[in-house]
Amino acid sequence: MATWDLRDTQHHLLICNGGSCTQAGAEQLVQAVRTEIGKKGLDDRIHTSRTLCNGRCQDKCVLISYPDGYWYKEMTSEDVPEFIESLITGELMEEKLSLSFNGNGFQPTKGTFIGLEKERETVEKVSKKL
């Protein structure tokens, strides 16, 4: 198992590989991102991780960029060269931006599906199920 040296890492990309994103091409997205990073010699600056579901199935395929706090929606392998270039230049891919962190929470962009509020089960409800 690898333990990467992340001291020079400037961007950590979390690429959703949950069920909906996988069906929409998440693995192709992962491979395209990693290939583009390699072609541009950015392996030490951009780190990638596959994740399980990020809870934004409406936005499939989801790609999250940290520490920037940007969530991108409807990403495809065709978007990758422009996306990686946007990380280098600092110019956002506005048309793909879904949510951005403003210091207090994530704010949706215009046209982004807000989603459902999370329901929390109480200890009482969980105990009754057992």
C-alpha atoms as a PDB file:
ATOM      1  CA  MET A   1       0.000   0.000   0.000  1.00  0.00           C
ATOM      2  CA  ALA A   2       1.345   3.422  -0.945  1.00  0.00           C
ATOM      3  CA  THR A   3       2.012   6.352   1.346  1.00  0.00           C
ATOM      4  CA  TRP A   4       2.522   9.397  -0.856  1.00  0.00           C
ATOM      5  CA  ASP A   5       4.649  12.417  -0.004  1.00  0.00           C
ATOM      6  CA  LEU A   6       2.073  15.225  -0.255  1.00  0.00           C
ATOM      7  CA  ARG A   7       4.225  18.150   0.894  1.00  0.00           C
ATOM      8  CA  ASP A   8       4.148  19.831  -2.544  1.00  0.00           C
ATOM      9  CA  THR A   9       0.485  19.037  -3.197  1.00  0.00           C
ATOM     10  CA  GLN A  10      -1.624  22.099  -3.979  1.00  0.00           C
ATOM     11  CA  HIS A  11      -4.842  20.399  -5.072  1.00  0.00           C
ATOM     12  CA  HIS A  12      -6.499  17.211  -3.873  1.00  0.00           C
ATOM     13  CA  LEU A  13      -9.157  15.978  -6.287  1.00  0.00           C
ATOM     14  CA  LEU A  14     -11.854  13.704  -4.916  1.00  0.00           C
ATOM     15  CA  ILE A  15     -13.595  11.896  -7.751  1.00  0.00           C
ATOM     16  CA  CYS A  16     -16.883  10.236  -6.896  1.00  0.00           C
ATOM     17  CA  ASN A  17     -17.098   6.562  -7.787  1.00  0.00           C
ATOM     18  CA  GLY A  18     -20.496   5.944  -6.234  1.00  0.00           C
ATOM     19  CA  GLY A  19     -23.114   4.006  -8.189  1.00  0.00           C
ATOM     20  CA  SER A  20     -24.645   6.875 -10.182  1.00  0.00           C
ATOM     21  CA  CYS A  21     -21.299   8.449 -11.057  1.00  0.00           C
ATOM     22  CA  THR A  22     -19.796   5.093 -12.007  1.00  0.00           C
ATOM     23  CA  GLN A  23     -22.682   4.463 -14.407  1.00  0.00           C
ATOM     24  CA  ALA A  24     -22.123   7.943 -15.882  1.00  0.00           C
ATOM     25  CA  GLY A  25     -18.405   7.371 -16.581  1.00  0.00           C
ATOM     26  CA  ALA A  26     -16.541   8.053 -13.332  1.00  0.00           C
ATOM     27  CA  GLU A  27     -13.777   5.549 -14.054  1.00  0.00           C
ATOM     28  CA  GLN A  28     -13.110   7.149 -17.444  1.00  0.00           C
ATOM     29  CA  LEU A  29     -13.017  10.513 -15.659  1.00  0.00           C
ATOM     30  CA  VAL A  30     -10.484   9.221 -13.107  1.00  0.00           C
ATOM     31  CA  GLN A  31      -8.227   7.832 -15.837  1.00  0.00           C
ATOM     32  CA  ALA A  32      -8.467  11.011 -17.943  1.00  0.00           C
ATOM     33  CA  VAL A  33      -7.606  13.200 -14.920  1.00  0.00           C
ATOM     34  CA  ARG A  34      -4.617  11.059 -13.974  1.00  0.00           C
ATOM     35  CA  THR A  35      -3.389  10.919 -17.579  1.00  0.00           C
ATOM     36  CA  GLU A  36      -3.614  14.714 -17.960  1.00  0.00           C
ATOM     37  CA  ILE A  37      -1.813  15.271 -14.659  1.00  0.00           C
ATOM     38  CA  GLY A  38       0.968  12.976 -15.851  1.00  0.00           C
ATOM     39  CA  LYS A  39       1.209  14.612 -19.283  1.00  0.00           C
ATOM     40  CA  LYS A  40       1.626  18.029 -17.682  1.00  0.00           C
ATOM     41  CA  GLY A  41       4.136  16.775 -15.091  1.00  0.00           C
ATOM     42  CA  LEU A  42       1.897  17.784 -12.181  1.00  0.00           C
ATOM     43  CA  ASP A  43       2.019  14.557 -10.153  1.00  0.00           C
ATOM     44  CA  ASP A  44       3.650  16.313  -7.206  1.00  0.00           C
ATOM     45  CA  ARG A  45       1.136  19.217  -7.258  1.00  0.00           C
ATOM     46  CA  ILE A  46      -2.191  17.454  -7.874  1.00  0.00           C
ATOM     47  CA  HIS A  47      -3.254  14.358  -5.935  1.00  0.00           C
ATOM     48  CA  THR A  48      -6.332  12.291  -6.788  1.00  0.00           C
ATOM     49  CA  SER A  49      -8.529   9.970  -4.763  1.00  0.00           C
ATOM     50  CA  ARG A  50     -11.535   7.911  -5.773  1.00  0.00           C
ATOM     51  CA  THR A  51     -14.353   8.182  -3.258  1.00  0.00           C
ATOM     52  CA  LEU A  52     -17.574   6.366  -2.647  1.00  0.00           C
ATOM     53  CA  CYS A  53     -20.845   8.281  -3.039  1.00  0.00           C
ATOM     54  CA  ASN A  54     -20.652  11.981  -2.165  1.00  0.00           C
ATOM     55  CA  GLY A  55     -24.427  12.406  -1.983  1.00  0.00           C
ATOM     56  CA  ARG A  56     -24.820  14.564  -5.103  1.00  0.00           C
ATOM     57  CA  CYS A  57     -26.135  11.947  -7.560  1.00  0.00           C
ATOM     58  CA  GLN A  58     -28.082  14.636  -9.447  1.00  0.00           C
ATOM     59  CA  ASP A  59     -24.712  16.179 -10.384  1.00  0.00           C
ATOM     60  CA  LYS A  60     -23.010  13.021 -11.666  1.00  0.00           C
ATOM     61  CA  CYS A  61     -20.067  12.794 -12.299  1.00  0.00           C
ATOM     62  CA  VAL A  62     -18.914  14.753  -9.259  1.00  0.00           C
ATOM     63  CA  LEU A  63     -15.349  16.013  -8.821  1.00  0.00           C
ATOM     64  CA  ILE A  64     -14.363  17.918  -5.679  1.00  0.00           C
ATOM     65  CA  SER A  65     -11.268  20.106  -5.480  1.00  0.00           C
ATOM     66  CA  TYR A  66      -9.658  20.755  -2.116  1.00  0.00           C
ATOM     67  CA  PRO A  67      -8.462  22.831  -0.395  1.00  0.00           C
ATOM     68  CA  ASP A  68     -10.311  25.147  -2.813  1.00  0.00           C
ATOM     69  CA  GLY A  69     -13.701  23.857  -1.682  1.00  0.00           C
ATOM     70  CA  TYR A  70     -15.173  23.611  -5.185  1.00  0.00           C
ATOM     71  CA  TRP A  71     -17.585  20.896  -6.231  1.00  0.00           C
ATOM     72  CA  TYR A  72     -17.929  20.318  -9.971  1.00  0.00           C
ATOM     73  CA  LYS A  73     -20.897  18.654 -11.632  1.00  0.00           C
ATOM     74  CA  GLU A  74     -21.529  16.719 -14.827  1.00  0.00           C
ATOM     75  CA  MET A  75     -17.806  16.205 -15.386  1.00  0.00           C
ATOM     76  CA  THR A  76     -16.695  14.037 -18.297  1.00  0.00           C
ATOM     77  CA  SER A  77     -13.331  12.918 -19.584  1.00  0.00           C
ATOM     78  CA  GLU A  78     -13.687  15.541 -22.345  1.00  0.00           C
ATOM     79  CA  ASP A  79     -13.702  18.286 -19.659  1.00  0.00           C
ATOM     80  CA  VAL A  80     -10.394  17.205 -18.167  1.00  0.00           C
ATOM     81  CA  PRO A  81      -7.842  19.238 -20.181  1.00  0.00           C
ATOM     82  CA  GLU A  82      -9.754  22.473 -19.502  1.00  0.00           C
ATOM     83  CA  PHE A  83     -10.268  21.493 -15.862  1.00  0.00           C
ATOM     84  CA  ILE A  84      -6.588  20.776 -15.181  1.00  0.00           C
ATOM     85  CA  GLU A  85      -5.664  24.025 -16.935  1.00  0.00           C
ATOM     86  CA  SER A  86      -8.141  25.839 -14.658  1.00  0.00           C
ATOM     87  CA  LEU A  87      -6.306  24.489 -11.611  1.00  0.00           C
ATOM     88  CA  ILE A  88      -3.042  25.878 -12.987  1.00  0.00           C
ATOM     89  CA  THR A  89      -4.423  29.311 -13.898  1.00  0.00           C
ATOM     90  CA  GLY A  90      -6.868  29.689 -11.012  1.00  0.00           C
ATOM     91  CA  GLU A  91      -9.752  30.385 -13.404  1.00  0.00           C
ATOM     92  CA  LEU A  92     -12.854  28.418 -12.455  1.00  0.00           C
ATOM     93  CA  MET A  93     -14.851  26.309 -14.863  1.00  0.00           C
ATOM     94  CA  GLU A  94     -17.974  28.304 -13.984  1.00  0.00           C
ATOM     95  CA  GLU A  95     -20.292  26.244 -16.203  1.00  0.00           C
ATOM     96  CA  LYS A  96     -19.390  23.068 -14.264  1.00  0.00           C
ATOM     97  CA  LEU A  97     -19.258  24.574 -10.782  1.00  0.00           C
ATOM     98  CA  SER A  98     -21.935  23.166  -8.493  1.00  0.00           C
ATOM     99  CA  LEU A  99     -20.996  24.284  -4.976  1.00  0.00           C
ATOM    100  CA  SER A 100     -18.307  26.502  -3.500  1.00  0.00           C
ATOM    101  CA  PHE A 101     -17.172  26.945   0.078  1.00  0.00           C
ATOM    102  CA  ASN A 102     -17.559  30.500   1.387  1.00  0.00           C
ATOM    103  CA  GLY A 103     -15.975  29.994   4.809  1.00  0.00           C
ATOM    104  CA  ASN A 104     -19.262  29.105   6.517  1.00  0.00           C
ATOM    105  CA  GLY A 105     -20.747  26.478   4.249  1.00  0.00           C
ATOM    106  CA  PHE A 106     -21.209  25.381   0.674  1.00  0.00           C
ATOM    107  CA  GLN A 107     -23.161  27.703  -1.586  1.00  0.00           C
ATOM    108  CA  PRO A 108     -24.835  26.344  -4.720  1.00  0.00           C
ATOM    109  CA  THR A 109     -24.314  28.078  -8.027  1.00  0.00           C
ATOM    110  CA  LYS A 110     -27.246  29.282 -10.108  1.00  0.00           C
ATOM    111  CA  GLY A 111     -29.121  26.340 -11.582  1.00  0.00           C
ATOM    112  CA  THR A 112     -27.689  23.773  -9.167  1.00  0.00           C
ATOM    113  CA  PHE A 113     -30.179  21.302  -7.726  1.00  0.00           C
ATOM    114  CA  ILE A 114     -30.308  22.078  -3.992  1.00  0.00           C
ATOM    115  CA  GLY A 115     -31.252  18.594  -2.838  1.00  0.00           C
ATOM    116  CA  LEU A 116     -33.001  17.120   0.130  1.00  0.00           C
ATOM    117  CA  GLU A 117     -32.352  17.930   3.748  1.00  0.00           C
ATOM    118  CA  LYS A 118     -30.675  15.152   5.681  1.00  0.00           C
ATOM    119  CA  GLU A 119     -32.805  13.284   8.161  1.00  0.00           C
ATOM    120  CA  ARG A 120     -31.070  12.184  11.289  1.00  0.00           C
ATOM    121  CA  GLU A 121     -32.260   9.106  13.083  1.00  0.00           C
ATOM    122  CA  THR A 122     -32.501   9.486  16.806  1.00  0.00           C
ATOM    123  CA  VAL A 123     -30.986   6.923  19.126  1.00  0.00           C
ATOM    124  CA  GLU A 124     -34.544   6.026  20.112  1.00  0.00           C
ATOM    125  CA  LYS A 125     -35.530   5.170  16.507  1.00  0.00           C
ATOM    126  CA  VAL A 126     -32.388   3.122  15.976  1.00  0.00           C
ATOM    127  CA  SER A 127     -32.943   1.207  19.231  1.00  0.00           C
ATOM    128  CA  LYS A 128     -36.511   0.343  18.183  1.00  0.00           C
ATOM    129  CA  LYS A 129     -35.202  -1.117  14.897  1.00  0.00           C
ATOM    130  CA  LEU A 130     -32.808  -3.398  16.786  1.00  0.00           C
END
